[in-house]
Amino acid sequence: MNIVDTAELLVTISNTVTKAHKVGELISDFDSQGDPAFVAEMNNYQYGLNLFLGSKDRLINHFTTKGKKCIRDFLEKTGTRGRKKKKTKLVIYGPTPLDGNWIQTGDLSKINVGSISTGKKTLGIILETGRSSGHGGRFIGFGQKVNSGIHPWFRMDWHNPHGKQDYILPDDDLGNYHMHISKACGGKYSGQ
């Protein structure tokens, strides 16, 4: 990826994150009794987005050292191995409530939102709006979809930390936002 591709990727990610939280905000209007903390989060998502953007240096450092295998695998799988072409997409995980009923993960929870260029290949970007059982409280996350499998890289949660996080965001005045990095990418986290 060159500088122009990287800049386009960051703009696409920023736009997708904003769309994801607007969708969450709209949906939370219909479910205000299910998880009031989620509704409050969606109404103040800019705070969390600023914390996420403020943690980018730490994430970049992690994914260029301990987690570089995840990025290398992602870029390698955009090409071909042997004769079988890999169908790879970037996955951006949208916000989810901690409690209450919510869209479960599956084909209906995956929304195609654009594409990025990685050299000679153009890859799709999927917004995942669902949540697996026990994986609520997500603010944002990133991963990859290869053929039919999804492989999470990391996620930032908006609820009180529970001791399983890789780190708590230091600039969070509320002390709620924390990061989970997948085991495959050098962290403690296993799941979506």
Protein backbone atom coordinates (compact mmCIF):
# COMPACT_ATOMS: atom_id res chain seq x y z
CA MET A 1 0.00 0.00 0.00
CA ASN A 2 1.30 3.44 -0.83
CA ILE A 3 0.57 6.72 0.96
CA VAL A 4 -2.44 7.52 -1.26
CA ASP A 5 -3.94 4.05 -0.67
CA THR A 6 -3.36 4.41 3.08
CA ALA A 7 -5.01 7.85 3.11
CA GLU A 8 -8.01 6.51 1.15
CA LEU A 9 -8.26 3.58 3.58
CA LEU A 10 -8.28 5.92 6.60
CA VAL A 11 -10.99 8.11 5.02
CA THR A 12 -13.09 5.02 4.20
CA ILE A 13 -12.66 3.66 7.72
CA SER A 14 -13.55 7.01 9.27
CA ASN A 15 -16.70 7.30 7.13
CA THR A 16 -17.68 3.70 7.91
CA VAL A 17 -17.21 4.21 11.66
CA THR A 18 -19.41 7.30 11.55
CA LYS A 19 -22.07 5.38 9.58
CA ALA A 20 -21.86 2.46 12.02
CA HIS A 21 -22.54 4.69 14.97
CA LYS A 22 -25.36 6.51 13.22
CA VAL A 23 -26.96 3.11 12.51
CA GLY A 24 -26.46 2.14 16.16
CA GLU A 25 -27.96 5.43 17.27
CA LEU A 26 -31.04 4.89 15.11
CA ILE A 27 -31.47 1.31 16.26
CA SER A 28 -31.00 2.27 19.89
CA ASP A 29 -33.99 4.62 19.56
CA PHE A 30 -36.14 1.52 19.07
CA ASP A 31 -34.56 -0.31 22.01
CA SER A 32 -34.16 2.40 24.65
CA GLN A 33 -35.58 0.12 27.36
CA GLY A 34 -33.25 -2.79 26.48
CA ASP A 35 -29.89 -1.18 27.32
CA PRO A 36 -29.95 2.47 28.46
CA ALA A 37 -26.13 2.55 28.69
CA PHE A 38 -25.92 1.65 24.98
CA VAL A 39 -28.34 4.44 24.12
CA ALA A 40 -26.19 6.88 26.09
CA GLU A 41 -23.08 5.59 24.30
CA MET A 42 -24.65 6.06 20.87
CA ASN A 43 -25.64 9.60 21.76
CA ASN A 44 -22.04 10.38 22.74
CA TYR A 45 -20.08 8.24 20.27
CA GLN A 46 -17.73 11.11 19.35
CA TYR A 47 -16.08 10.76 22.77
CA GLY A 48 -15.31 7.09 22.15
CA LEU A 49 -14.21 7.77 18.58
CA ASN A 50 -11.73 10.36 19.84
CA LEU A 51 -10.38 7.83 22.35
CA PHE A 52 -10.04 5.24 19.59
CA LEU A 53 -8.21 7.65 17.31
CA GLY A 54 -6.01 8.66 20.25
CA SER A 55 -4.95 5.01 20.68
CA LYS A 56 -3.86 4.61 17.06
CA ASP A 57 -0.13 4.92 17.84
CA ARG A 58 -0.34 2.11 20.38
CA LEU A 59 -2.30 -0.08 17.93
CA ILE A 60 0.11 0.66 15.07
CA ASN A 61 3.03 -0.22 17.35
CA HIS A 62 1.33 -3.49 18.35
CA PHE A 63 0.47 -4.49 14.78
CA THR A 64 3.95 -3.71 13.50
CA THR A 65 5.58 -5.82 16.24
CA LYS A 66 3.63 -8.55 18.08
CA GLY A 67 0.65 -8.49 15.71
CA LYS A 68 2.41 -8.07 12.36
CA LYS A 69 1.53 -11.64 11.36
CA CYS A 70 -2.16 -10.64 11.16
CA ILE A 71 -1.46 -7.80 8.74
CA ARG A 72 0.99 -9.90 6.71
CA ASP A 73 -1.59 -12.71 6.45
CA PHE A 74 -4.25 -10.22 5.40
CA LEU A 75 -2.08 -8.79 2.63
CA GLU A 76 -0.90 -12.23 1.49
CA LYS A 77 -4.43 -13.59 1.34
CA THR A 78 -5.43 -10.82 -1.01
CA GLY A 79 -3.47 -12.62 -3.72
CA THR A 80 -3.47 -16.27 -4.61
CA ARG A 81 -1.95 -19.28 -2.97
CA GLY A 82 -1.41 -22.15 -5.35
CA ARG A 83 -4.37 -22.16 -7.71
CA LYS A 84 -7.12 -21.20 -5.30
CA LYS A 85 -7.91 -17.51 -5.01
CA LYS A 86 -8.74 -16.29 -1.51
CA LYS A 87 -11.79 -14.06 -1.13
CA THR A 88 -10.60 -11.57 1.46
CA LYS A 89 -12.47 -8.57 2.89
CA LEU A 90 -11.72 -6.07 5.63
CA VAL A 91 -14.27 -6.31 8.47
CA ILE A 92 -15.20 -3.32 10.61
CA TYR A 93 -17.23 -4.28 13.66
CA GLY A 94 -19.95 -1.79 14.58
CA PRO A 95 -21.26 -0.96 18.04
CA THR A 96 -23.37 -3.39 20.06
CA PRO A 97 -25.29 -3.12 23.33
CA LEU A 98 -23.99 -4.94 26.37
CA ASP A 99 -27.39 -6.42 27.22
CA GLY A 100 -30.77 -6.97 25.65
CA ASN A 101 -31.84 -8.46 22.34
CA TRP A 102 -29.71 -7.57 19.33
CA ILE A 103 -29.02 -8.71 15.81
CA GLN A 104 -27.08 -11.98 15.96
CA THR A 105 -24.05 -12.48 13.76
CA GLY A 106 -24.83 -14.00 10.39
CA ASP A 107 -25.22 -13.00 6.76
CA LEU A 108 -27.92 -10.39 7.54
CA SER A 109 -25.61 -8.57 9.95
CA LYS A 110 -22.86 -8.06 7.36
CA ILE A 111 -23.27 -4.93 5.24
CA ASN A 112 -21.00 -4.17 2.28
CA VAL A 113 -19.90 -0.55 2.70
CA GLY A 114 -17.15 0.00 0.14
CA SER A 115 -13.73 -1.17 -0.95
CA ILE A 116 -10.04 -0.41 -0.59
CA SER A 117 -7.07 -0.91 -2.85
CA THR A 118 -4.03 -2.88 -1.68
CA GLY A 119 -1.68 -2.52 -4.62
CA LYS A 120 -3.14 -4.48 -7.54
CA LYS A 121 -6.14 -5.86 -5.64
CA THR A 122 -9.39 -4.20 -4.58
CA LEU A 123 -10.90 -5.61 -1.41
CA GLY A 124 -14.40 -5.20 -0.08
CA ILE A 125 -15.17 -3.71 3.32
CA ILE A 126 -17.91 -5.24 5.47
CA LEU A 127 -19.62 -3.58 8.42
CA GLU A 128 -20.55 -6.28 10.97
CA THR A 129 -23.49 -5.05 13.06
CA GLY A 130 -24.34 -8.28 14.87
CA ARG A 131 -23.01 -9.73 18.07
CA SER A 132 -22.30 -13.24 19.22
CA SER A 133 -23.67 -14.41 22.54
CA GLY A 134 -21.56 -12.97 25.33
CA HIS A 135 -19.80 -10.45 23.07
CA GLY A 136 -21.84 -7.33 23.75
CA GLY A 137 -20.52 -3.91 24.62
CA ARG A 138 -18.42 -3.40 21.52
CA PHE A 139 -17.62 0.12 20.36
CA ILE A 140 -15.59 -0.75 17.26
CA GLY A 141 -13.39 -3.53 16.01
CA PHE A 142 -11.43 -4.66 12.98
CA GLY A 143 -10.67 -8.01 11.40
CA GLN A 144 -10.72 -9.86 8.12
CA LYS A 145 -13.03 -12.23 6.32
CA VAL A 146 -11.30 -14.96 4.35
CA ASN A 147 -13.63 -17.07 2.25
CA SER A 148 -16.34 -17.97 4.79
CA GLY A 149 -14.39 -17.38 8.03
CA ILE A 150 -14.07 -14.14 10.00
CA HIS A 151 -10.86 -13.51 11.94
CA PRO A 152 -11.01 -10.59 14.42
CA TRP A 153 -7.87 -8.51 15.03
CA PHE A 154 -9.01 -6.25 17.86
CA ARG A 155 -12.04 -4.57 19.38
CA MET A 156 -12.57 -1.58 21.64
CA ASP A 157 -15.36 -1.96 24.20
CA TRP A 158 -17.31 0.84 25.89
CA HIS A 159 -18.42 -0.89 29.13
CA ASN A 160 -16.65 -1.31 32.48
CA PRO A 161 -13.49 -3.42 32.14
CA HIS A 162 -13.71 -6.98 33.43
CA GLY A 163 -10.05 -7.95 33.74
CA LYS A 164 -9.74 -9.74 30.38
CA GLN A 165 -8.72 -6.68 28.41
CA ASP A 166 -5.29 -6.10 26.91
CA TYR A 167 -5.28 -2.51 28.12
CA ILE A 168 -7.52 0.33 29.31
CA LEU A 169 -7.43 3.51 27.26
CA PRO A 170 -5.41 5.97 29.37
CA ASP A 171 -7.21 9.15 28.27
CA ASP A 172 -10.68 7.85 29.22
CA ASP A 173 -11.95 10.02 32.07
CA LEU A 174 -14.75 7.50 32.68
CA GLY A 175 -12.43 4.48 32.87
CA ASN A 176 -14.76 2.32 30.74
CA TYR A 177 -13.11 2.09 27.32
CA HIS A 178 -10.71 -0.79 26.90
CA MET A 179 -9.07 -2.77 24.12
CA HIS A 180 -9.09 -6.48 23.36
CA ILE A 181 -6.53 -7.81 20.87
CA SER A 182 -7.07 -11.31 19.48
CA LYS A 183 -4.77 -14.15 20.51
CA ALA A 184 -3.90 -14.71 16.84
CA CYS A 185 -2.60 -11.13 16.75
CA GLY A 186 -0.55 -11.34 19.95
CA GLY A 187 -3.24 -10.42 22.51
CA LYS A 188 -5.45 -12.16 25.11
CA TYR A 189 -8.79 -12.03 23.30
CA SER A 190 -10.62 -14.93 21.65
CA GLY A 191 -13.91 -14.12 19.97
CA GLN A 192 -15.72 -11.36 18.11
